[in-house]
Amino acid sequence: FCHRFLLTPADPRHSNQATRPSVVWLPIHRAKAHPNPVDTSRFEIACDTQPGGWSLSLFMPGDTLTGYDPKEYSRIGVGFILFDNEFGSISQQLPDDFPVMEDPSLWAAVDLIE
């Protein structure tokens, strides 16, 4: 199964709960099947904001992902689109008309190592 998440960084201008970094599971448009519901409360997300930008880190326990078995599959697909108010959208070097959000075959492959 493929999983899709929306990650949002913290906003350093505010200190309330709504502006902390967050992660939300989203369905993939036109998917033939969806994974089991994902408990994102077990994820660890951190955001470091600086005057020139920000970085976002996410840890997902493997047992929260439907079908994830690193012993059987040593490679996973990873796709992203970064939406930035100042710079617009940035994806993994594919033109904007490619359906990266709904076609996992367009995602980059990542080899898992111990």
N, C-alpha and C. Protein backbone atom coordinates (compact mmCIF):
# COMPACT_ATOMS: atom_id res chain seq x y z
N PHE A 1 0.83 -1.19 0.00
CA PHE A 1 0.00 0.00 0.00
C PHE A 1 0.87 1.25 0.00
N CYS A 2 0.35 2.30 -0.57
CA CYS A 2 1.03 3.59 -0.55
C CYS A 2 0.38 4.46 0.51
N HIS A 3 1.17 5.31 1.11
CA HIS A 3 0.69 6.22 2.13
C HIS A 3 1.01 7.64 1.69
N ARG A 4 0.12 8.55 2.02
CA ARG A 4 0.31 9.97 1.70
C ARG A 4 0.12 10.77 2.98
N PHE A 5 1.06 11.68 3.23
CA PHE A 5 1.00 12.50 4.44
C PHE A 5 1.19 13.96 4.09
N LEU A 6 0.55 14.81 4.86
CA LEU A 6 0.74 16.25 4.77
C LEU A 6 1.52 16.66 6.01
N LEU A 7 2.69 17.24 5.80
CA LEU A 7 3.51 17.72 6.91
C LEU A 7 3.52 19.24 6.87
N THR A 8 3.32 19.86 8.01
CA THR A 8 3.36 21.32 8.08
C THR A 8 4.37 21.73 9.15
N PRO A 9 5.23 22.70 8.84
CA PRO A 9 6.21 23.17 9.81
C PRO A 9 5.57 24.09 10.85
N ALA A 10 6.33 24.41 11.86
CA ALA A 10 5.87 25.36 12.88
C ALA A 10 5.97 26.78 12.32
N ASP A 11 5.17 27.66 12.86
CA ASP A 11 5.25 29.08 12.51
C ASP A 11 5.86 29.80 13.70
N PRO A 12 7.09 30.29 13.58
CA PRO A 12 7.76 30.91 14.74
C PRO A 12 7.11 32.20 15.22
N ARG A 13 6.20 32.75 14.41
CA ARG A 13 5.53 34.00 14.81
C ARG A 13 4.42 33.76 15.83
N HIS A 14 4.03 32.49 16.00
CA HIS A 14 2.94 32.16 16.91
C HIS A 14 3.39 31.05 17.85
N SER A 15 2.75 30.94 18.99
CA SER A 15 3.13 29.90 19.94
C SER A 15 1.96 29.00 20.31
N ASN A 16 0.82 29.11 19.64
CA ASN A 16 -0.32 28.28 20.02
C ASN A 16 -0.24 26.89 19.37
N GLN A 17 -1.08 26.00 19.78
CA GLN A 17 -1.08 24.60 19.33
C GLN A 17 -1.20 24.47 17.81
N ALA A 18 -1.99 25.33 17.18
CA ALA A 18 -2.25 25.21 15.75
C ALA A 18 -1.02 25.49 14.89
N THR A 19 0.00 26.13 15.44
CA THR A 19 1.16 26.47 14.64
C THR A 19 2.37 25.58 14.93
N ARG A 20 2.18 24.50 15.68
CA ARG A 20 3.25 23.52 15.89
C ARG A 20 3.37 22.65 14.66
N PRO A 21 4.53 22.02 14.46
CA PRO A 21 4.63 21.12 13.31
C PRO A 21 3.62 19.99 13.45
N SER A 22 3.08 19.55 12.32
CA SER A 22 2.07 18.50 12.38
C SER A 22 2.18 17.59 11.17
N VAL A 23 1.57 16.40 11.30
CA VAL A 23 1.50 15.44 10.21
C VAL A 23 0.09 14.85 10.18
N VAL A 24 -0.48 14.73 8.99
CA VAL A 24 -1.83 14.22 8.80
C VAL A 24 -1.79 13.20 7.67
N TRP A 25 -2.47 12.05 7.84
CA TRP A 25 -2.59 11.07 6.77
C TRP A 25 -3.68 11.52 5.82
N LEU A 26 -3.43 11.39 4.52
CA LEU A 26 -4.40 11.75 3.49
C LEU A 26 -4.57 10.59 2.52
N PRO A 27 -5.78 10.37 2.00
CA PRO A 27 -5.94 9.33 0.98
C PRO A 27 -5.28 9.77 -0.33
N ILE A 28 -4.95 8.80 -1.17
CA ILE A 28 -4.39 9.09 -2.48
C ILE A 28 -5.52 9.06 -3.49
N HIS A 29 -5.70 10.16 -4.20
CA HIS A 29 -6.76 10.29 -5.19
C HIS A 29 -6.64 9.18 -6.24
N ARG A 30 -7.74 8.55 -6.57
CA ARG A 30 -7.84 7.48 -7.56
C ARG A 30 -7.11 6.19 -7.18
N ALA A 31 -6.79 5.99 -5.90
CA ALA A 31 -6.16 4.74 -5.48
C ALA A 31 -7.17 3.60 -5.57
N LYS A 32 -6.70 2.41 -5.95
CA LYS A 32 -7.59 1.25 -6.03
C LYS A 32 -7.91 0.70 -4.65
N ALA A 33 -7.01 0.92 -3.69
CA ALA A 33 -7.22 0.49 -2.30
C ALA A 33 -6.44 1.43 -1.40
N HIS A 34 -6.93 1.58 -0.19
CA HIS A 34 -6.26 2.46 0.78
C HIS A 34 -5.70 1.62 1.93
N PRO A 35 -4.62 2.08 2.56
CA PRO A 35 -4.06 1.35 3.70
C PRO A 35 -4.97 1.46 4.91
N ASN A 36 -4.65 0.69 5.93
CA ASN A 36 -5.37 0.82 7.21
C ASN A 36 -5.19 2.24 7.73
N PRO A 37 -6.12 2.72 8.56
CA PRO A 37 -5.94 4.06 9.15
C PRO A 37 -4.59 4.14 9.87
N VAL A 38 -3.92 5.26 9.73
CA VAL A 38 -2.60 5.45 10.29
C VAL A 38 -2.68 6.27 11.56
N ASP A 39 -2.07 5.76 12.64
CA ASP A 39 -2.04 6.47 13.92
C ASP A 39 -0.87 7.44 13.93
N THR A 40 -1.09 8.64 13.42
CA THR A 40 -0.01 9.62 13.32
C THR A 40 0.41 10.16 14.69
N SER A 41 -0.35 9.87 15.74
CA SER A 41 0.05 10.32 17.08
C SER A 41 1.34 9.62 17.53
N ARG A 42 1.67 8.49 16.90
CA ARG A 42 2.91 7.78 17.23
C ARG A 42 4.11 8.31 16.45
N PHE A 43 3.88 9.19 15.49
CA PHE A 43 4.96 9.78 14.71
C PHE A 43 5.66 10.84 15.55
N GLU A 44 6.92 11.05 15.26
CA GLU A 44 7.67 12.14 15.90
C GLU A 44 8.02 13.14 14.81
N ILE A 45 7.61 14.39 15.02
CA ILE A 45 7.87 15.44 14.04
C ILE A 45 8.57 16.60 14.75
N ALA A 46 9.55 17.16 14.07
CA ALA A 46 10.30 18.29 14.64
C ALA A 46 10.54 19.31 13.54
N CYS A 47 10.56 20.56 13.93
CA CYS A 47 10.78 21.64 12.99
C CYS A 47 11.79 22.62 13.57
N ASP A 48 12.74 23.02 12.75
CA ASP A 48 13.73 24.02 13.15
C ASP A 48 13.56 25.21 12.23
N THR A 49 13.14 26.33 12.78
CA THR A 49 12.95 27.53 11.97
C THR A 49 14.07 28.51 12.25
N GLN A 50 14.53 29.15 11.18
CA GLN A 50 15.57 30.16 11.26
C GLN A 50 15.17 31.31 10.36
N PRO A 51 15.82 32.47 10.49
CA PRO A 51 15.42 33.60 9.65
C PRO A 51 15.46 33.30 8.15
N GLY A 52 16.38 32.46 7.68
CA GLY A 52 16.51 32.17 6.26
C GLY A 52 15.75 30.96 5.78
N GLY A 53 15.03 30.26 6.66
CA GLY A 53 14.31 29.07 6.23
C GLY A 53 13.96 28.15 7.38
N TRP A 54 13.72 26.88 7.07
CA TRP A 54 13.32 25.93 8.08
C TRP A 54 13.68 24.52 7.63
N SER A 55 13.74 23.60 8.57
CA SER A 55 13.90 22.18 8.24
C SER A 55 12.86 21.40 9.02
N LEU A 56 12.43 20.29 8.45
CA LEU A 56 11.37 19.48 9.03
C LEU A 56 11.83 18.04 9.05
N SER A 57 11.70 17.36 10.19
CA SER A 57 12.09 15.96 10.34
C SER A 57 10.90 15.15 10.81
N LEU A 58 10.80 13.92 10.30
CA LEU A 58 9.69 13.05 10.66
C LEU A 58 10.20 11.63 10.88
N PHE A 59 9.77 11.01 11.97
CA PHE A 59 10.05 9.60 12.23
C PHE A 59 8.71 8.87 12.26
N MET A 60 8.59 7.79 11.45
CA MET A 60 7.38 6.99 11.40
C MET A 60 7.73 5.57 11.82
N PRO A 61 7.17 5.06 12.92
CA PRO A 61 7.43 3.65 13.27
C PRO A 61 6.92 2.73 12.15
N GLY A 62 7.74 1.77 11.77
CA GLY A 62 7.39 0.89 10.66
C GLY A 62 6.07 0.16 10.84
N ASP A 63 5.73 -0.18 12.09
CA ASP A 63 4.50 -0.95 12.30
C ASP A 63 3.24 -0.12 12.14
N THR A 64 3.36 1.18 11.91
CA THR A 64 2.17 2.01 11.67
C THR A 64 1.79 2.03 10.20
N LEU A 65 2.66 1.51 9.33
CA LEU A 65 2.43 1.58 7.90
C LEU A 65 1.94 0.23 7.37
N THR A 66 0.80 0.23 6.70
CA THR A 66 0.22 -0.99 6.15
C THR A 66 1.16 -1.61 5.12
N GLY A 67 1.46 -2.89 5.32
CA GLY A 67 2.26 -3.63 4.34
C GLY A 67 3.75 -3.38 4.40
N TYR A 68 4.23 -2.58 5.33
CA TYR A 68 5.66 -2.28 5.39
C TYR A 68 6.41 -3.43 6.04
N ASP A 69 7.32 -4.05 5.30
CA ASP A 69 8.15 -5.13 5.81
C ASP A 69 9.54 -4.98 5.19
N PRO A 70 10.47 -4.32 5.90
CA PRO A 70 11.79 -4.06 5.32
C PRO A 70 12.60 -5.32 5.02
N LYS A 71 12.24 -6.46 5.64
CA LYS A 71 12.95 -7.70 5.34
C LYS A 71 12.53 -8.23 3.97
N GLU A 72 11.29 -7.99 3.59
CA GLU A 72 10.79 -8.45 2.30
C GLU A 72 11.08 -7.43 1.19
N TYR A 73 10.98 -6.16 1.53
CA TYR A 73 11.20 -5.09 0.55
C TYR A 73 12.26 -4.15 1.09
N SER A 74 13.43 -4.15 0.48
CA SER A 74 14.51 -3.29 0.97
C SER A 74 14.53 -1.94 0.26
N ARG A 75 13.47 -1.64 -0.48
CA ARG A 75 13.39 -0.37 -1.20
C ARG A 75 11.97 0.19 -1.02
N ILE A 76 11.89 1.48 -0.79
CA ILE A 76 10.59 2.14 -0.71
C ILE A 76 10.56 3.31 -1.69
N GLY A 77 9.38 3.72 -2.07
CA GLY A 77 9.22 4.89 -2.92
C GLY A 77 8.92 6.11 -2.08
N VAL A 78 9.50 7.23 -2.45
CA VAL A 78 9.29 8.48 -1.72
C VAL A 78 9.03 9.57 -2.74
N GLY A 79 7.94 10.26 -2.55
CA GLY A 79 7.61 11.39 -3.40
C GLY A 79 7.28 12.59 -2.55
N PHE A 80 7.50 13.76 -3.08
CA PHE A 80 7.19 14.95 -2.29
C PHE A 80 6.86 16.12 -3.21
N ILE A 81 6.09 17.02 -2.66
CA ILE A 81 5.89 18.34 -3.25
C ILE A 81 5.99 19.32 -2.09
N LEU A 82 6.85 20.28 -2.23
CA LEU A 82 7.05 21.31 -1.21
C LEU A 82 6.29 22.55 -1.67
N PHE A 83 5.37 23.01 -0.84
CA PHE A 83 4.63 24.22 -1.13
C PHE A 83 5.19 25.32 -0.24
N ASP A 84 5.69 26.37 -0.84
CA ASP A 84 6.30 27.48 -0.10
C ASP A 84 5.65 28.78 -0.55
N ASN A 85 5.24 29.59 0.41
CA ASN A 85 4.58 30.86 0.09
C ASN A 85 5.46 31.78 -0.74
N GLU A 86 6.77 31.74 -0.50
CA GLU A 86 7.69 32.62 -1.20
C GLU A 86 8.17 32.05 -2.53
N PHE A 87 8.44 30.74 -2.58
CA PHE A 87 9.05 30.13 -3.76
C PHE A 87 8.10 29.31 -4.62
N GLY A 88 6.86 29.13 -4.22
CA GLY A 88 5.92 28.33 -4.97
C GLY A 88 6.07 26.86 -4.66
N SER A 89 5.71 25.97 -5.61
CA SER A 89 5.81 24.54 -5.36
C SER A 89 7.07 23.97 -6.00
N ILE A 90 7.66 23.01 -5.31
CA ILE A 90 8.88 22.34 -5.76
C ILE A 90 8.64 20.85 -5.58
N SER A 91 8.87 20.07 -6.65
CA SER A 91 8.76 18.62 -6.52
C SER A 91 10.09 18.01 -6.89
N GLN A 92 10.10 16.70 -7.03
CA GLN A 92 11.35 15.99 -7.27
C GLN A 92 11.80 16.08 -8.73
N GLN A 93 12.00 17.27 -9.21
CA GLN A 93 12.52 17.56 -10.54
C GLN A 93 11.62 17.07 -11.65
N LEU A 94 10.33 17.02 -11.41
CA LEU A 94 9.37 16.68 -12.45
C LEU A 94 8.54 17.92 -12.76
N PRO A 95 8.14 18.08 -14.01
CA PRO A 95 7.30 19.24 -14.34
C PRO A 95 5.99 19.23 -13.55
N ASP A 96 5.40 20.39 -13.39
CA ASP A 96 4.18 20.53 -12.60
C ASP A 96 3.00 19.71 -13.13
N ASP A 97 3.00 19.37 -14.42
CA ASP A 97 1.85 18.63 -14.96
C ASP A 97 1.92 17.13 -14.71
N PHE A 98 2.99 16.63 -14.08
CA PHE A 98 3.05 15.21 -13.71
C PHE A 98 2.24 14.99 -12.44
N PRO A 99 1.41 13.94 -12.38
CA PRO A 99 0.53 13.72 -11.22
C PRO A 99 1.25 13.02 -10.05
N VAL A 100 2.27 13.66 -9.50
CA VAL A 100 3.07 13.07 -8.43
C VAL A 100 2.23 12.74 -7.20
N MET A 101 1.21 13.53 -6.92
CA MET A 101 0.39 13.32 -5.73
C MET A 101 -0.48 12.06 -5.82
N GLU A 102 -0.71 11.55 -7.03
CA GLU A 102 -1.61 10.41 -7.15
C GLU A 102 -1.02 9.25 -7.95
N ASP A 103 0.24 9.32 -8.35
CA ASP A 103 0.86 8.23 -9.11
C ASP A 103 2.19 7.84 -8.47
N PRO A 104 2.17 6.85 -7.56
CA PRO A 104 3.40 6.44 -6.87
C PRO A 104 4.50 5.91 -7.79
N SER A 105 4.18 5.55 -9.03
CA SER A 105 5.24 5.10 -9.94
C SER A 105 6.19 6.24 -10.29
N LEU A 106 5.80 7.47 -10.01
CA LEU A 106 6.66 8.63 -10.28
C LEU A 106 7.57 8.96 -9.10
N TRP A 107 7.40 8.27 -7.99
CA TRP A 107 8.19 8.57 -6.80
C TRP A 107 9.61 8.04 -6.94
N ALA A 108 10.54 8.65 -6.25
CA ALA A 108 11.94 8.18 -6.23
C ALA A 108 12.04 6.94 -5.35
N ALA A 109 12.99 6.08 -5.68
CA ALA A 109 13.22 4.86 -4.87
C ALA A 109 14.32 5.14 -3.85
N VAL A 110 14.11 4.64 -2.64
CA VAL A 110 15.08 4.78 -1.56
C VAL A 110 15.46 3.38 -1.09
N ASP A 111 16.75 3.07 -1.09
CA ASP A 111 17.21 1.78 -0.59
C ASP A 111 17.36 1.84 0.92
N LEU A 112 16.77 0.88 1.62
CA LEU A 112 16.86 0.82 3.08
C LEU A 112 18.08 -0.01 3.47
N ILE A 113 18.87 0.50 4.39
CA ILE A 113 20.05 -0.22 4.87
C ILE A 113 19.98 -0.35 6.38
N GLU A 114 20.64 -1.36 6.91
CA GLU A 114 20.64 -1.55 8.37
C GLU A 114 21.68 -0.66 9.01
